[in-house]
Amino acid sequence: MIEIEDKGQEDGHMVFNVTVSDSAGQTRHRVTLSDDTYQRLSEGKATPTACIEAAFRFLLERETKSDILPSFDLNVIRLSFSNFDKEFANYL
């Protein structure tokens, strides 16, 4: 289960608290999203919250919840996963 709390804006970025839960427990993450990244990934066709959820579903297919960084900008996912931008729309 992925729970997302929109924390508003900070330093020009949207900020979200994300909790990922399963039978083994939960992890908490602080994720930022710039407007440039939001537009590149969704072209404004999905909400920022939907983009965060999609990114976490992408990540959770590739690593465990405890392997996801506790705090990161959504843009860094593409540094670890070169196919992120291309596959992102499949998770929206």
PDB file of N, CA and C in Angstrom:
ATOM      1  N   MET A   1       0.843  -1.177   0.000  1.00  0.00           N
ATOM      2  CA  MET A   1       0.000   0.000   0.000  1.00  0.00           C
ATOM      3  C   MET A   1       0.894   1.247   0.000  1.00  0.00           C
ATOM      4  N   ILE A   2       0.537   2.194  -0.833  1.00  0.00           N
ATOM      5  CA  ILE A   2       1.291   3.442  -0.936  1.00  0.00           C
ATOM      6  C   ILE A   2       0.376   4.586  -0.510  1.00  0.00           C
ATOM      7  N   GLU A   3       0.770   5.293   0.542  1.00  0.00           N
ATOM      8  CA  GLU A   3       0.014   6.456   1.018  1.00  0.00           C
ATOM      9  C   GLU A   3       0.850   7.705   0.760  1.00  0.00           C
ATOM     10  N   ILE A   4       0.205   8.731   0.219  1.00  0.00           N
ATOM     11  CA  ILE A   4       0.921   9.953  -0.151  1.00  0.00           C
ATOM     12  C   ILE A   4       0.248  11.153   0.485  1.00  0.00           C
ATOM     13  N   GLU A   5       1.056  11.971   1.136  1.00  0.00           N
ATOM     14  CA  GLU A   5       0.566  13.207   1.752  1.00  0.00           C
ATOM     15  C   GLU A   5       1.259  14.383   1.070  1.00  0.00           C
ATOM     16  N   ASP A   6       0.478  15.254   0.461  1.00  0.00           N
ATOM     17  CA  ASP A   6       1.001  16.451  -0.201  1.00  0.00           C
ATOM     18  C   ASP A   6       1.331  17.479   0.870  1.00  0.00           C
ATOM     19  N   LYS A   7       2.590  17.875   0.958  1.00  0.00           N
ATOM     20  CA  LYS A   7       3.038  18.830   1.983  1.00  0.00           C
ATOM     21  C   LYS A   7       3.193  20.243   1.437  1.00  0.00           C
ATOM     22  N   GLY A   8       2.780  20.467   0.179  1.00  0.00           N
ATOM     23  CA  GLY A   8       2.860  21.805  -0.395  1.00  0.00           C
ATOM     24  C   GLY A   8       4.196  22.056  -1.066  1.00  0.00           C
ATOM     25  N   GLN A   9       4.564  23.338  -1.122  1.00  0.00           N
ATOM     26  CA  GLN A   9       5.788  23.769  -1.814  1.00  0.00           C
ATOM     27  C   GLN A   9       6.908  24.084  -0.823  1.00  0.00           C
ATOM     28  N   GLU A  10       8.122  23.797  -1.240  1.00  0.00           N
ATOM     29  CA  GLU A  10       9.303  24.160  -0.453  1.00  0.00           C
ATOM     30  C   GLU A  10      10.456  24.376  -1.424  1.00  0.00           C
ATOM     31  N   ASP A  11      11.054  25.546  -1.390  1.00  0.00           N
ATOM     32  CA  ASP A  11      12.180  25.868  -2.273  1.00  0.00           C
ATOM     33  C   ASP A  11      11.868  25.596  -3.747  1.00  0.00           C
ATOM     34  N   GLY A  12      10.651  25.908  -4.176  1.00  0.00           N
ATOM     35  CA  GLY A  12      10.274  25.749  -5.570  1.00  0.00           C
ATOM     36  C   GLY A  12       9.954  24.335  -6.011  1.00  0.00           C
ATOM     37  N   HIS A  13       9.872  23.419  -5.067  1.00  0.00           N
ATOM     38  CA  HIS A  13       9.547  22.030  -5.371  1.00  0.00           C
ATOM     39  C   HIS A  13       8.286  21.616  -4.616  1.00  0.00           C
ATOM     40  N   MET A  14       7.505  20.747  -5.213  1.00  0.00           N
ATOM     41  CA  MET A  14       6.399  20.120  -4.504  1.00  0.00           C
ATOM     42  C   MET A  14       7.004  19.076  -3.571  1.00  0.00           C
ATOM     43  N   VAL A  15       6.445  18.950  -2.371  1.00  0.00           N
ATOM     44  CA  VAL A  15       6.984  18.039  -1.370  1.00  0.00           C
ATOM     45  C   VAL A  15       5.894  17.052  -0.957  1.00  0.00           C
ATOM     46  N   PHE A  16       6.284  15.779  -0.855  1.00  0.00           N
ATOM     47  CA  PHE A  16       5.350  14.723  -0.480  1.00  0.00           C
ATOM     48  C   PHE A  16       5.974  13.818   0.574  1.00  0.00           C
ATOM     49  N   ASN A  17       5.157  13.410   1.525  1.00  0.00           N
ATOM     50  CA  ASN A  17       5.541  12.351   2.445  1.00  0.00           C
ATOM     51  C   ASN A  17       4.866  11.087   1.939  1.00  0.00           C
ATOM     52  N   VAL A  18       5.653  10.033   1.781  1.00  0.00           N
ATOM     53  CA  VAL A  18       5.134   8.781   1.240  1.00  0.00           C
ATOM     54  C   VAL A  18       5.391   7.672   2.259  1.00  0.00           C
ATOM     55  N   THR A  19       4.351   6.896   2.533  1.00  0.00           N
ATOM     56  CA  THR A  19       4.464   5.727   3.399  1.00  0.00           C
ATOM     57  C   THR A  19       4.148   4.498   2.566  1.00  0.00           C
ATOM     58  N   VAL A  20       5.057   3.535   2.594  1.00  0.00           N
ATOM     59  CA  VAL A  20       4.853   2.274   1.885  1.00  0.00           C
ATOM     60  C   VAL A  20       4.682   1.196   2.944  1.00  0.00           C
ATOM     61  N   SER A  21       3.548   0.500   2.901  1.00  0.00           N
ATOM     62  CA  SER A  21       3.229  -0.514   3.906  1.00  0.00           C
ATOM     63  C   SER A  21       2.963  -1.859   3.253  1.00  0.00           C
ATOM     64  N   ASP A  22       3.384  -2.905   3.952  1.00  0.00           N
ATOM     65  CA  ASP A  22       3.013  -4.265   3.581  1.00  0.00           C
ATOM     66  C   ASP A  22       3.018  -5.105   4.855  1.00  0.00           C
ATOM     67  N   SER A  23       2.861  -6.397   4.728  1.00  0.00           N
ATOM     68  CA  SER A  23       2.761  -7.249   5.913  1.00  0.00           C
ATOM     69  C   SER A  23       4.033  -7.237   6.761  1.00  0.00           C
ATOM     70  N   ALA A  24       5.143  -6.833   6.181  1.00  0.00           N
ATOM     71  CA  ALA A  24       6.416  -6.802   6.904  1.00  0.00           C
ATOM     72  C   ALA A  24       6.680  -5.475   7.603  1.00  0.00           C
ATOM     73  N   GLY A  25       5.784  -4.498   7.445  1.00  0.00           N
ATOM     74  CA  GLY A  25       5.977  -3.208   8.094  1.00  0.00           C
ATOM     75  C   GLY A  25       5.823  -2.063   7.115  1.00  0.00           C
ATOM     76  N   GLN A  26       6.443  -0.932   7.474  1.00  0.00           N
ATOM     77  CA  GLN A  26       6.320   0.232   6.612  1.00  0.00           C
ATOM     78  C   GLN A  26       7.609   1.031   6.579  1.00  0.00           C
ATOM     79  N   THR A  27       7.753   1.792   5.500  1.00  0.00           N
ATOM     80  CA  THR A  27       8.865   2.725   5.353  1.00  0.00           C
ATOM     81  C   THR A  27       8.278   4.095   5.040  1.00  0.00           C
ATOM     82  N   ARG A  28       9.012   5.125   5.398  1.00  0.00           N
ATOM     83  CA  ARG A  28       8.572   6.498   5.132  1.00  0.00           C
ATOM     84  C   ARG A  28       9.617   7.205   4.287  1.00  0.00           C
ATOM     85  N   HIS A  29       9.121   8.041   3.371  1.00  0.00           N
ATOM     86  CA  HIS A  29      10.003   8.709   2.423  1.00  0.00           C
ATOM     87  C   HIS A  29       9.533  10.145   2.235  1.00  0.00           C
ATOM     88  N   ARG A  30      10.486  11.042   2.025  1.00  0.00           N
ATOM     89  CA  ARG A  30      10.193  12.442   1.692  1.00  0.00           C
ATOM     90  C   ARG A  30      10.655  12.646   0.261  1.00  0.00           C
ATOM     91  N   VAL A  31       9.726  13.005  -0.609  1.00  0.00           N
ATOM     92  CA  VAL A  31      10.026  13.098  -2.035  1.00  0.00           C
ATOM     93  C   VAL A  31       9.694  14.499  -2.531  1.00  0.00           C
ATOM     94  N   THR A  32      10.619  15.066  -3.298  1.00  0.00           N
ATOM     95  CA  THR A  32      10.357  16.364  -3.919  1.00  0.00           C
ATOM     96  C   THR A  32      10.167  16.156  -5.414  1.00  0.00           C
ATOM     97  N   LEU A  33       9.417  17.082  -6.009  1.00  0.00           N
ATOM     98  CA  LEU A  33       9.108  17.018  -7.435  1.00  0.00           C
ATOM     99  C   LEU A  33       9.117  18.437  -7.984  1.00  0.00           C
ATOM    100  N   SER A  34      10.014  18.698  -8.922  1.00  0.00           N
ATOM    101  CA  SER A  34      10.048  20.016  -9.554  1.00  0.00           C
ATOM    102  C   SER A  34       8.971  20.086 -10.618  1.00  0.00           C
ATOM    103  N   ASP A  35       8.572  21.295 -10.964  1.00  0.00           N
ATOM    104  CA  ASP A  35       7.567  21.459 -12.006  1.00  0.00           C
ATOM    105  C   ASP A  35       8.107  20.956 -13.350  1.00  0.00           C
ATOM    106  N   ASP A  36       9.394  21.167 -13.617  1.00  0.00           N
ATOM    107  CA  ASP A  36      10.000  20.684 -14.867  1.00  0.00           C
ATOM    108  C   ASP A  36       9.890  19.165 -14.985  1.00  0.00           C
ATOM    109  N   THR A  37      10.224  18.463 -13.906  1.00  0.00           N
ATOM    110  CA  THR A  37      10.129  17.000 -13.913  1.00  0.00           C
ATOM    111  C   THR A  37       8.680  16.566 -14.053  1.00  0.00           C
ATOM    112  N   TYR A  38       7.794  17.221 -13.322  1.00  0.00           N
ATOM    113  CA  TYR A  38       6.364  16.914 -13.413  1.00  0.00           C
ATOM    114  C   TYR A  38       5.863  17.056 -14.846  1.00  0.00           C
ATOM    115  N   GLN A  39       6.207  18.154 -15.505  1.00  0.00           N
ATOM    116  CA  GLN A  39       5.762  18.380 -16.881  1.00  0.00           C
ATOM    117  C   GLN A  39       6.389  17.375 -17.848  1.00  0.00           C
ATOM    118  N   ARG A  40       7.665  17.063 -17.649  1.00  0.00           N
ATOM    119  CA  ARG A  40       8.347  16.109 -18.528  1.00  0.00           C
ATOM    120  C   ARG A  40       7.699  14.724 -18.438  1.00  0.00           C
ATOM    121  N   LEU A  41       7.366  14.315 -17.231  1.00  0.00           N
ATOM    122  CA  LEU A  41       6.821  12.968 -17.038  1.00  0.00           C
ATOM    123  C   LEU A  41       5.344  12.846 -17.389  1.00  0.00           C
ATOM    124  N   SER A  42       4.565  13.866 -17.061  1.00  0.00           N
ATOM    125  CA  SER A  42       3.106  13.727 -17.201  1.00  0.00           C
ATOM    126  C   SER A  42       2.483  14.645 -18.241  1.00  0.00           C
ATOM    127  N   GLU A  43       3.247  15.647 -18.683  1.00  0.00           N
ATOM    128  CA  GLU A  43       2.721  16.675 -19.591  1.00  0.00           C
ATOM    129  C   GLU A  43       1.438  17.296 -19.024  1.00  0.00           C
ATOM    130  N   GLY A  44       1.331  17.308 -17.696  1.00  0.00           N
ATOM    131  CA  GLY A  44       0.179  17.901 -17.023  1.00  0.00           C
ATOM    132  C   GLY A  44      -1.087  17.062 -17.111  1.00  0.00           C
ATOM    133  N   LYS A  45      -0.987  15.828 -17.590  1.00  0.00           N
ATOM    134  CA  LYS A  45      -2.161  14.979 -17.787  1.00  0.00           C
ATOM    135  C   LYS A  45      -2.515  14.152 -16.551  1.00  0.00           C
ATOM    136  N   ALA A  46      -1.666  14.161 -15.542  1.00  0.00           N
ATOM    137  CA  ALA A  46      -1.922  13.453 -14.284  1.00  0.00           C
ATOM    138  C   ALA A  46      -1.583  14.404 -13.146  1.00  0.00           C
ATOM    139  N   THR A  47      -2.151  14.166 -11.999  1.00  0.00           N
ATOM    140  CA  THR A  47      -1.851  15.012 -10.844  1.00  0.00           C
ATOM    141  C   THR A  47      -0.433  14.717 -10.350  1.00  0.00           C
ATOM    142  N   PRO A  48       0.177  15.665  -9.650  1.00  0.00           N
ATOM    143  CA  PRO A  48       1.484  15.387  -9.062  1.00  0.00           C
ATOM    144  C   PRO A  48       1.441  14.175  -8.122  1.00  0.00           C
ATOM    145  N   THR A  49       0.363  14.031  -7.359  1.00  0.00           N
ATOM    146  CA  THR A  49       0.239  12.881  -6.454  1.00  0.00           C
ATOM    147  C   THR A  49       0.221  11.575  -7.249  1.00  0.00           C
ATOM    148  N   ALA A  50      -0.489  11.557  -8.373  1.00  0.00           N
ATOM    149  CA  ALA A  50      -0.517  10.361  -9.224  1.00  0.00           C
ATOM    150  C   ALA A  50       0.870  10.050  -9.763  1.00  0.00           C
ATOM    151  N   CYS A  51       1.658  11.079 -10.053  1.00  0.00           N
ATOM    152  CA  CYS A  51       3.026  10.876 -10.529  1.00  0.00           C
ATOM    153  C   CYS A  51       3.899  10.249  -9.452  1.00  0.00           C
ATOM    154  N   ILE A  52       3.742  10.703  -8.230  1.00  0.00           N
ATOM    155  CA  ILE A  52       4.511  10.128  -7.116  1.00  0.00           C
ATOM    156  C   ILE A  52       4.136   8.660  -6.938  1.00  0.00           C
ATOM    157  N   GLU A  53       2.840   8.365  -6.947  1.00  0.00           N
ATOM    158  CA  GLU A  53       2.398   6.973  -6.804  1.00  0.00           C
ATOM    159  C   GLU A  53       2.943   6.112  -7.934  1.00  0.00           C
ATOM    160  N   ALA A  54       2.878   6.606  -9.163  1.00  0.00           N
ATOM    161  CA  ALA A  54       3.393   5.861 -10.303  1.00  0.00           C
ATOM    162  C   ALA A  54       4.892   5.585 -10.153  1.00  0.00           C
ATOM    163  N   ALA A  55       5.623   6.573  -9.699  1.00  0.00           N
ATOM    164  CA  ALA A  55       7.067   6.399  -9.505  1.00  0.00           C
ATOM    165  C   ALA A  55       7.353   5.335  -8.456  1.00  0.00           C
ATOM    166  N   PHE A  56       6.578   5.316  -7.386  1.00  0.00           N
ATOM    167  CA  PHE A  56       6.788   4.303  -6.348  1.00  0.00           C
ATOM    168  C   PHE A  56       6.409   2.916  -6.850  1.00  0.00           C
ATOM    169  N   ARG A  57       5.363   2.807  -7.646  1.00  0.00           N
ATOM    170  CA  ARG A  57       5.020   1.497  -8.212  1.00  0.00           C
ATOM    171  C   ARG A  57       6.143   1.013  -9.131  1.00  0.00           C
ATOM    172  N   PHE A  58       6.717   1.931  -9.915  1.00  0.00           N
ATOM    173  CA  PHE A  58       7.872   1.610 -10.751  1.00  0.00           C
ATOM    174  C   PHE A  58       9.023   1.095  -9.879  1.00  0.00           C
ATOM    175  N   LEU A  59       9.349   1.839  -8.829  1.00  0.00           N
ATOM    176  CA  LEU A  59      10.459   1.450  -7.956  1.00  0.00           C
ATOM    177  C   LEU A  59      10.219   0.118  -7.261  1.00  0.00           C
ATOM    178  N   LEU A  60       8.997  -0.082  -6.775  1.00  0.00           N
ATOM    179  CA  LEU A  60       8.701  -1.299  -6.009  1.00  0.00           C
ATOM    180  C   LEU A  60       8.721  -2.565  -6.864  1.00  0.00           C
ATOM    181  N   GLU A  61       8.634  -2.418  -8.169  1.00  0.00           N
ATOM    182  CA  GLU A  61       8.804  -3.579  -9.054  1.00  0.00           C
ATOM    183  C   GLU A  61      10.280  -3.919  -9.234  1.00  0.00           C
ATOM    184  N   ARG A  62      11.153  -3.024  -8.807  1.00  0.00           N
ATOM    185  CA  ARG A  62      12.585  -3.206  -9.042  1.00  0.00           C
ATOM    186  C   ARG A  62      13.412  -3.328  -7.768  1.00  0.00           C
ATOM    187  N   GLU A  63      12.866  -2.904  -6.642  1.00  0.00           N
ATOM    188  CA  GLU A  63      13.592  -2.988  -5.378  1.00  0.00           C
ATOM    189  C   GLU A  63      12.607  -3.047  -4.225  1.00  0.00           C
ATOM    190  N   THR A  64      13.106  -3.449  -3.064  1.00  0.00           N
ATOM    191  CA  THR A  64      12.231  -3.531  -1.891  1.00  0.00           C
ATOM    192  C   THR A  64      11.985  -2.129  -1.338  1.00  0.00           C
ATOM    193  N   LYS A  65      10.938  -1.995  -0.567  1.00  0.00           N
ATOM    194  CA  LYS A  65      10.606  -0.685   0.004  1.00  0.00           C
ATOM    195  C   LYS A  65      11.733  -0.154   0.866  1.00  0.00           C
ATOM    196  N   SER A  66      12.447  -1.039   1.558  1.00  0.00           N
ATOM    197  CA  SER A  66      13.549  -0.590   2.418  1.00  0.00           C
ATOM    198  C   SER A  66      14.772  -0.144   1.612  1.00  0.00           C
ATOM    199  N   ASP A  67      14.837  -0.499   0.328  1.00  0.00           N
ATOM    200  CA  ASP A  67      15.939  -0.052  -0.528  1.00  0.00           C
ATOM    201  C   ASP A  67      15.695   1.337  -1.115  1.00  0.00           C
ATOM    202  N   ILE A  68      14.467   1.821  -1.028  1.00  0.00           N
ATOM    203  CA  ILE A  68      14.145   3.149  -1.560  1.00  0.00           C
ATOM    204  C   ILE A  68      14.684   4.204  -0.594  1.00  0.00           C
ATOM    205  N   LEU A  69      15.358   5.187  -1.125  1.00  0.00           N
ATOM    206  CA  LEU A  69      15.958   6.239  -0.295  1.00  0.00           C
ATOM    207  C   LEU A  69      14.914   6.900   0.602  1.00  0.00           C
ATOM    208  N   PRO A  70      15.300   7.291   1.810  1.00  0.00           N
ATOM    209  CA  PRO A  70      14.346   7.940   2.708  1.00  0.00           C
ATOM    210  C   PRO A  70      13.967   9.352   2.252  1.00  0.00           C
ATOM    211  N   SER A  71      14.841  10.006   1.496  1.00  0.00           N
ATOM    212  CA  SER A  71      14.569  11.357   1.015  1.00  0.00           C
ATOM    213  C   SER A  71      15.252  11.529  -0.339  1.00  0.00           C
ATOM    214  N   PHE A  72      14.476  11.962  -1.345  1.00  0.00           N
ATOM    215  CA  PHE A  72      15.050  12.126  -2.674  1.00  0.00           C
ATOM    216  C   PHE A  72      14.145  12.979  -3.549  1.00  0.00           C
ATOM    217  N   ASP A  73      14.723  13.493  -4.629  1.00  0.00           N
ATOM    218  CA  ASP A  73      13.954  14.189  -5.653  1.00  0.00           C
ATOM    219  C   ASP A  73      13.597  13.160  -6.720  1.00  0.00           C
ATOM    220  N   LEU A  74      12.377  13.222  -7.215  1.00  0.00           N
ATOM    221  CA  LEU A  74      11.895  12.231  -8.174  1.00  0.00           C
ATOM    222  C   LEU A  74      12.809  12.120  -9.393  1.00  0.00           C
ATOM    223  N   ASN A  75      13.458  13.194  -9.745  1.00  0.00           N
ATOM    224  CA  ASN A  75      14.340  13.214 -10.914  1.00  0.00           C
ATOM    225  C   ASN A  75      15.512  12.239 -10.782  1.00  0.00           C
ATOM    226  N   VAL A  76      15.926  11.886  -9.576  1.00  0.00           N
ATOM    227  CA  VAL A  76      17.095  11.004  -9.415  1.00  0.00           C
ATOM    228  C   VAL A  76      16.807   9.559  -9.809  1.00  0.00           C
ATOM    229  N   ILE A  77      15.532   9.189  -9.907  1.00  0.00           N
ATOM    230  CA  ILE A  77      15.207   7.814 -10.295  1.00  0.00           C
ATOM    231  C   ILE A  77      15.808   7.494 -11.658  1.00  0.00           C
ATOM    232  N   ARG A  78      15.784   8.461 -12.556  1.00  0.00           N
ATOM    233  CA  ARG A  78      16.315   8.213 -13.905  1.00  0.00           C
ATOM    234  C   ARG A  78      17.826   8.013 -13.908  1.00  0.00           C
ATOM    235  N   LEU A  79      18.512   8.422 -12.843  1.00  0.00           N
ATOM    236  CA  LEU A  79      19.953   8.188 -12.751  1.00  0.00           C
ATOM    237  C   LEU A  79      20.249   6.720 -12.468  1.00  0.00           C
ATOM    238  N   SER A  80      19.378   6.075 -11.710  1.00  0.00           N
ATOM    239  CA  SER A  80      19.555   4.659 -11.379  1.00  0.00           C
ATOM    240  C   SER A  80      18.887   3.729 -12.389  1.00  0.00           C
ATOM    241  N   PHE A  81      17.814   4.216 -13.003  1.00  0.00           N
ATOM    242  CA  PHE A  81      17.045   3.396 -13.939  1.00  0.00           C
ATOM    243  C   PHE A  81      16.887   4.176 -15.253  1.00  0.00           C
ATOM    244  N   SER A  82      17.719   3.850 -16.215  1.00  0.00           N
ATOM    245  CA  SER A  82      17.737   4.614 -17.467  1.00  0.00           C
ATOM    246  C   SER A  82      16.419   4.516 -18.236  1.00  0.00           C
ATOM    247  N   ASN A  83      15.610   3.508 -17.967  1.00  0.00           N
ATOM    248  CA  ASN A  83      14.341   3.333 -18.669  1.00  0.00           C
ATOM    249  C   ASN A  83      13.169   4.024 -17.966  1.00  0.00           C
ATOM    250  N   PHE A  84      13.425   4.740 -16.886  1.00  0.00           N
ATOM    251  CA  PHE A  84      12.354   5.344 -16.100  1.00  0.00           C
ATOM    252  C   PHE A  84      11.465   6.272 -16.923  1.00  0.00           C
ATOM    253  N   ASP A  85      12.049   7.224 -17.630  1.00  0.00           N
ATOM    254  CA  ASP A  85      11.241   8.175 -18.400  1.00  0.00           C
ATOM    255  C   ASP A  85      10.384   7.459 -19.445  1.00  0.00           C
ATOM    256  N   LYS A  86      10.969   6.464 -20.117  1.00  0.00           N
ATOM    257  CA  LYS A  86      10.267   5.765 -21.171  1.00  0.00           C
ATOM    258  C   LYS A  86       9.111   4.913 -20.616  1.00  0.00           C
ATOM    259  N   GLU A  87       9.314   4.297 -19.456  1.00  0.00           N
ATOM    260  CA  GLU A  87       8.312   3.400 -18.898  1.00  0.00           C
ATOM    261  C   GLU A  87       7.309   4.078 -17.960  1.00  0.00           C
ATOM    262  N   PHE A  88       7.601   5.299 -17.560  1.00  0.00           N
ATOM    263  CA  PHE A  88       6.779   5.970 -16.547  1.00  0.00           C
ATOM    264  C   PHE A  88       5.293   5.983 -16.884  1.00  0.00           C
ATOM    265  N   ALA A  89       4.944   6.289 -18.120  1.00  0.00           N
ATOM    266  CA  ALA A  89       3.526   6.391 -18.515  1.00  0.00           C
ATOM    267  C   ALA A  89       2.772   5.085 -18.275  1.00  0.00           C
ATOM    268  N   ASN A  90       3.461   3.963 -18.309  1.00  0.00           N
ATOM    269  CA  ASN A  90       2.820   2.668 -18.059  1.00  0.00           C
ATOM    270  C   ASN A  90       2.328   2.527 -16.619  1.00  0.00           C
ATOM    271  N   TYR A  91       2.821   3.369 -15.724  1.00  0.00           N
ATOM    272  CA  TYR A  91       2.465   3.272 -14.304  1.00  0.00           C
ATOM    273  C   TYR A  91       1.433   4.304 -13.879  1.00  0.00           C
ATOM    274  N   LEU A  92       1.116   5.230 -14.773  1.00  0.00           N
ATOM    275  CA  LEU A  92       0.099   6.244 -14.442  1.00  0.00           C
ATOM    276  C   LEU A  92      -1.303   5.660 -14.494  1.00  0.00           C
TER     277      LEU A  92
END
